[in-house]
N, C-alpha and C. Protein backbone atom coordinates (compact mmCIF):
# COMPACT_ATOMS: atom_id res chain seq x y z
N MET A 1 95.03 115.15 97.82
CA MET A 1 94.87 114.77 96.24
C MET A 1 93.71 115.17 95.58
N SER A 2 92.51 115.50 96.54
CA SER A 2 91.29 115.97 95.97
C SER A 2 91.26 117.30 95.19
N GLU A 3 92.44 118.30 95.84
CA GLU A 3 92.32 119.51 95.16
C GLU A 3 92.44 119.80 93.47
N PRO A 4 91.55 120.56 93.16
CA PRO A 4 91.61 120.71 91.67
C PRO A 4 92.96 120.96 91.11
N GLY A 5 93.46 120.26 90.15
CA GLY A 5 94.57 120.35 89.41
C GLY A 5 95.94 119.99 90.25
N SER A 6 95.43 119.19 91.33
CA SER A 6 96.55 118.56 91.92
C SER A 6 96.91 117.49 91.29
N PRO A 7 98.30 116.55 91.19
CA PRO A 7 98.65 115.62 90.69
C PRO A 7 97.95 114.37 91.06
N GLY A 8 97.75 113.37 90.07
CA GLY A 8 96.93 111.96 90.48
C GLY A 8 97.82 111.10 91.19
N LEU A 9 97.18 110.06 91.76
CA LEU A 9 98.11 109.20 92.61
C LEU A 9 99.24 108.40 91.71
N MET A 10 99.10 108.20 90.49
CA MET A 10 100.13 107.58 89.85
C MET A 10 101.34 108.53 89.34
N LYS A 11 100.99 109.64 89.39
CA LYS A 11 101.90 110.86 89.11
C LYS A 11 102.81 110.85 90.15
N ARG A 12 102.15 111.06 91.33
CA ARG A 12 102.65 111.19 92.76
C ARG A 12 103.65 110.06 92.82
N VAL A 13 103.31 108.48 92.87
CA VAL A 13 104.19 107.50 92.93
C VAL A 13 105.27 107.67 91.97
N ARG A 14 105.16 108.07 90.69
CA ARG A 14 106.16 108.12 89.73
C ARG A 14 107.26 109.11 90.28
N ALA A 15 106.85 110.18 91.09
CA ALA A 15 107.66 111.33 91.05
C ALA A 15 108.43 110.79 92.59
N ILE A 16 108.08 109.79 93.44
CA ILE A 16 108.96 109.32 94.66
C ILE A 16 110.31 109.20 94.41
N PRO A 17 110.86 108.56 93.29
CA PRO A 17 112.16 108.11 93.22
C PRO A 17 112.92 109.52 92.72
N ARG A 18 112.42 110.48 91.94
CA ARG A 18 112.99 111.55 91.57
C ARG A 18 113.10 112.46 93.05
N MET A 19 112.14 112.65 93.75
CA MET A 19 111.98 113.33 95.09
C MET A 19 113.04 112.78 95.77
N ILE A 20 113.23 111.53 96.14
CA ILE A 20 114.22 110.72 96.85
C ILE A 20 115.76 111.37 96.49
N GLY A 21 115.89 111.29 95.03
CA GLY A 21 117.05 111.65 94.63
C GLY A 21 117.49 113.48 94.72
N ALA A 22 116.36 113.97 94.45
CA ALA A 22 116.66 115.50 94.90
C ALA A 22 117.00 115.88 96.04
N VAL A 23 116.30 115.00 97.25
CA VAL A 23 116.53 115.36 98.46
C VAL A 23 118.23 114.87 99.00
N THR A 24 118.38 113.76 98.52
CA THR A 24 119.69 113.12 98.70
C THR A 24 120.94 114.17 98.18
N ARG A 25 120.50 114.99 97.02
CA ARG A 25 121.53 115.63 96.34
C ARG A 25 121.60 117.35 97.00
N GLY A 26 120.52 117.43 97.77
CA GLY A 26 120.24 118.67 98.32
C GLY A 26 119.51 119.77 97.13
N GLN A 27 119.14 119.13 96.45
CA GLN A 27 118.29 120.18 95.24
C GLN A 27 116.82 120.48 95.65
N TYR A 28 116.16 119.54 96.48
CA TYR A 28 114.74 119.89 96.64
C TYR A 28 114.75 120.41 98.08
N PRO A 29 114.56 121.73 98.31
CA PRO A 29 114.34 122.40 99.76
C PRO A 29 113.35 121.89 100.67
N GLY A 30 112.07 121.49 100.08
CA GLY A 30 110.90 121.25 100.76
C GLY A 30 110.93 120.11 101.83
N MET A 31 111.99 119.39 101.69
CA MET A 31 112.13 118.25 102.63
C MET A 31 113.48 117.72 102.96
N GLY A 32 113.66 117.77 104.40
CA GLY A 32 115.12 117.68 104.85
C GLY A 32 115.58 116.18 104.58
N LYS A 33 116.93 116.03 105.08
CA LYS A 33 117.31 114.59 104.97
C LYS A 33 116.83 113.97 106.37
N SER A 34 116.50 114.53 107.34
CA SER A 34 116.16 113.86 108.53
C SER A 34 114.94 113.00 108.34
N LYS A 35 113.95 113.99 107.48
CA LYS A 35 112.60 113.35 107.26
C LYS A 35 112.73 112.15 106.44
N LEU A 36 113.51 112.23 105.25
CA LEU A 36 114.00 110.96 104.61
C LEU A 36 114.57 109.88 105.15
N ALA A 37 115.51 110.10 106.12
CA ALA A 37 115.73 109.08 107.05
C ALA A 37 115.11 108.47 107.77
N LEU A 38 113.71 109.32 108.48
CA LEU A 38 112.77 108.55 109.38
C LEU A 38 112.05 107.86 108.16
N MET A 39 111.59 108.23 107.27
CA MET A 39 110.99 107.23 106.35
C MET A 39 111.58 105.87 105.97
N ALA A 40 113.03 106.13 105.64
CA ALA A 40 113.97 104.97 105.50
C ALA A 40 113.64 103.79 106.54
N LEU A 41 113.58 104.60 107.97
CA LEU A 41 113.40 103.62 109.01
C LEU A 41 112.23 103.19 109.03
N GLY A 42 111.15 103.80 108.69
CA GLY A 42 109.77 103.27 108.53
C GLY A 42 109.79 101.85 107.51
N VAL A 43 110.48 102.01 106.51
CA VAL A 43 110.70 100.92 105.38
C VAL A 43 111.50 99.62 106.00
N VAL A 44 112.34 100.08 106.80
CA VAL A 44 113.26 99.06 107.39
C VAL A 44 112.66 98.25 108.57
N TYR A 45 111.50 99.00 109.40
CA TYR A 45 110.73 98.59 110.16
C TYR A 45 109.77 97.69 109.61
N LEU A 46 109.32 97.90 108.25
CA LEU A 46 108.15 97.06 107.88
C LEU A 46 108.79 95.66 107.51
N ILE A 47 109.93 95.80 106.88
CA ILE A 47 110.49 94.82 106.33
C ILE A 47 111.20 93.88 107.20
N SER A 48 111.68 94.29 108.17
CA SER A 48 112.48 93.86 109.39
C SER A 48 111.65 92.65 110.05
N PRO A 49 112.17 91.56 110.52
CA PRO A 49 111.40 90.58 111.11
C PRO A 49 111.27 90.84 112.65
N ILE A 50 112.05 92.02 113.01
CA ILE A 50 111.89 92.45 114.65
C ILE A 50 110.74 93.29 114.56
N ASP A 51 109.83 93.05 115.51
CA ASP A 51 108.67 94.18 115.78
C ASP A 51 108.79 94.54 117.26
N VAL A 52 108.35 95.87 117.26
CA VAL A 52 108.12 96.36 118.54
C VAL A 52 106.85 95.45 119.25
N ILE A 53 105.79 95.10 118.67
CA ILE A 53 105.02 94.34 119.30
C ILE A 53 104.82 93.16 118.20
N PRO A 54 105.14 91.97 118.85
CA PRO A 54 105.20 90.66 117.96
C PRO A 54 103.85 90.37 117.15
N ASP A 55 104.25 89.84 115.74
CA ASP A 55 102.84 89.62 115.17
C ASP A 55 102.17 88.58 115.41
N PHE A 56 102.73 87.64 116.50
CA PHE A 56 101.70 86.48 117.15
C PHE A 56 100.80 87.18 117.80
N LEU A 57 100.81 88.39 118.36
CA LEU A 57 99.64 89.02 119.20
C LEU A 57 98.93 89.34 117.79
N VAL A 58 97.97 88.74 117.20
CA VAL A 58 97.63 88.95 115.86
C VAL A 58 96.98 90.34 115.89
N LEU A 59 95.91 90.77 116.32
CA LEU A 59 95.57 92.19 116.04
C LEU A 59 96.29 93.30 116.37
N VAL A 60 96.99 93.16 117.59
CA VAL A 60 97.81 94.53 117.99
C VAL A 60 99.11 94.27 117.17
N GLY A 61 99.83 93.16 116.95
CA GLY A 61 100.93 93.09 116.30
C GLY A 61 100.92 93.34 114.89
N VAL A 62 99.67 93.32 114.20
CA VAL A 62 99.71 93.54 112.96
C VAL A 62 99.49 95.12 112.78
N ALA A 63 98.68 95.56 113.85
CA ALA A 63 98.09 96.96 113.90
C ALA A 63 99.26 98.06 113.99
N ASP A 64 100.28 97.43 114.54
CA ASP A 64 101.73 98.47 114.78
C ASP A 64 102.20 98.73 113.22
N ASP A 65 102.26 97.53 112.50
CA ASP A 65 103.05 97.49 111.07
C ASP A 65 102.08 98.17 110.06
N PHE A 66 100.72 98.09 110.27
CA PHE A 66 99.79 98.92 109.35
C PHE A 66 99.88 100.35 109.84
N GLY A 67 99.82 100.83 110.92
CA GLY A 67 100.02 102.16 111.44
C GLY A 67 101.26 102.78 110.70
N VAL A 68 102.54 102.05 110.82
CA VAL A 68 103.81 102.62 110.04
C VAL A 68 103.56 102.52 108.80
N PHE A 69 102.89 101.56 108.04
CA PHE A 69 102.61 101.69 106.45
C PHE A 69 101.76 102.81 106.32
N LEU A 70 100.61 103.21 106.89
CA LEU A 70 99.84 104.14 106.59
C LEU A 70 100.52 105.68 106.82
N TRP A 71 101.31 105.55 107.84
CA TRP A 71 102.13 106.80 108.02
C TRP A 71 102.91 107.01 106.67
N LEU A 72 104.04 106.08 106.20
CA LEU A 72 104.72 106.14 105.44
C LEU A 72 104.12 106.44 104.18
N MET A 73 103.26 105.85 103.65
CA MET A 73 102.30 106.08 102.38
C MET A 73 101.81 107.45 102.18
N SER A 74 101.26 107.75 103.30
CA SER A 74 100.51 109.19 103.37
C SER A 74 101.73 110.10 103.50
N SER A 75 102.90 110.05 104.13
CA SER A 75 103.87 110.92 103.91
C SER A 75 104.51 111.01 102.54
N LEU A 76 104.82 109.84 101.88
CA LEU A 76 105.42 109.89 100.77
C LEU A 76 104.40 110.53 99.61
N ILE A 77 103.12 110.10 99.55
CA ILE A 77 102.11 110.62 98.82
C ILE A 77 102.22 112.12 98.68
N GLY A 78 101.86 112.60 100.08
CA GLY A 78 101.82 113.81 100.29
C GLY A 78 103.06 114.77 100.02
N GLU A 79 104.08 114.01 100.51
CA GLU A 79 105.30 115.16 99.93
C GLU A 79 105.60 114.87 98.57
N SER A 80 105.37 113.95 98.03
CA SER A 80 105.71 113.88 96.28
C SER A 80 104.65 114.81 95.66
N GLY A 81 103.37 114.96 96.16
CA GLY A 81 102.85 116.01 95.47
C GLY A 81 103.20 117.45 95.74
N ARG A 82 103.75 117.62 96.95
CA ARG A 82 104.46 119.12 97.12
C ARG A 82 105.81 119.27 96.04
N TYR A 83 106.15 117.97 95.97
CA TYR A 83 107.53 118.03 95.02
C TYR A 83 107.33 118.16 93.65
N ILE A 84 106.03 117.62 93.33
CA ILE A 84 105.65 117.93 91.93
C ILE A 84 105.46 119.40 91.44
N GLY A 85 104.85 119.95 92.54
CA GLY A 85 104.54 121.28 92.49
C GLY A 85 105.80 122.13 92.33
N TRP A 86 106.83 122.14 93.39
CA TRP A 86 108.15 122.67 93.35
C TRP A 86 108.77 122.38 92.00
N GLU A 87 108.68 121.22 91.49
CA GLU A 87 109.27 120.80 90.33
C GLU A 87 108.66 121.66 89.04
N ARG A 88 107.48 121.55 89.17
CA ARG A 88 106.78 122.42 87.79
C ARG A 88 107.08 124.13 87.99
N ASN A 89 107.39 124.76 89.15
CA ASN A 89 107.65 125.93 89.27
C ASN A 89 109.16 126.23 88.72
N VAL A 90 110.05 125.35 89.34
CA VAL A 90 111.45 125.45 88.78
C VAL A 90 111.54 125.03 87.40
N ILE A 91 110.87 124.12 86.52
CA ILE A 91 110.92 123.99 85.30
C ILE A 91 110.46 125.21 84.52
N ARG A 92 109.25 126.04 84.95
CA ARG A 92 108.70 126.90 84.54
C ARG A 92 109.60 128.18 84.90
N GLY A 93 110.56 128.10 85.69
CA GLY A 93 111.35 129.25 86.02
C GLY A 93 110.62 130.36 86.83
N ALA A 94 109.60 129.79 87.43
CA ALA A 94 109.00 130.53 88.50
C ALA A 94 109.58 130.93 89.87
N THR A 95 110.64 130.12 90.31
CA THR A 95 111.12 130.53 91.55
C THR A 95 112.56 130.85 91.20
N ILE A 96 113.31 131.26 92.27
CA ILE A 96 114.52 131.77 92.03
C ILE A 96 115.47 130.79 93.07
N PRO A 97 116.44 129.88 92.38
CA PRO A 97 117.21 129.09 92.97
C PRO A 97 117.88 129.79 94.32
N PRO A 98 117.75 128.88 95.26
CA PRO A 98 118.16 129.66 96.58
C PRO A 98 119.60 130.30 96.84
N ASP A 99 120.47 129.80 95.81
CA ASP A 99 121.82 130.31 95.80
C ASP A 99 121.84 131.73 95.16
N LEU A 100 120.71 132.41 94.38
CA LEU A 100 120.69 133.54 93.59
C LEU A 100 120.03 134.58 94.42
N PRO A 101 120.25 135.79 94.56
CA PRO A 101 119.50 136.74 95.00
C PRO A 101 118.40 137.34 94.19
N PRO A 102 117.42 137.75 94.79
CA PRO A 102 116.15 138.39 93.76
C PRO A 102 116.61 139.21 93.12
N THR A 103 116.28 139.50 91.93
CA THR A 103 116.63 140.74 91.27
C THR A 103 115.18 141.93 91.29
N THR A 104 115.27 143.00 91.38
CA THR A 104 114.38 144.15 91.08
C THR A 104 114.16 144.42 89.57
N PRO A 105 112.97 144.54 88.88
CA PRO A 105 112.77 144.89 87.59
C PRO A 105 113.17 146.60 87.42
N ARG A 106 113.81 146.72 86.28
CA ARG A 106 114.26 148.16 85.87
C ARG A 106 112.90 148.90 85.22
N ALA A 107 112.96 149.93 85.53
CA ALA A 107 111.77 151.03 84.75
C ALA A 107 112.37 151.54 83.70
């Protein structure tokens, strides 16, 4: 996120629902459905009352949840930044859709 010209945090957060929709429709080739499913499992793990390490073990029990939360947020924020870049290229017409062959310019 600290690179010049990279989208800010709020822009990345707002792009997450669009990115999820594009991945589920198969429009965004930058992220597979398996990675999206793994992220969904992370969300389920965070909201589930069942933990690998019980929360009554105060430091260790909370640490596993916090670790999953950090992984999930960093993955979503990083992936949404790449999605925004891909989206910009597609809107500008800078990329060739995967179903069209590249053309060579005529002289």
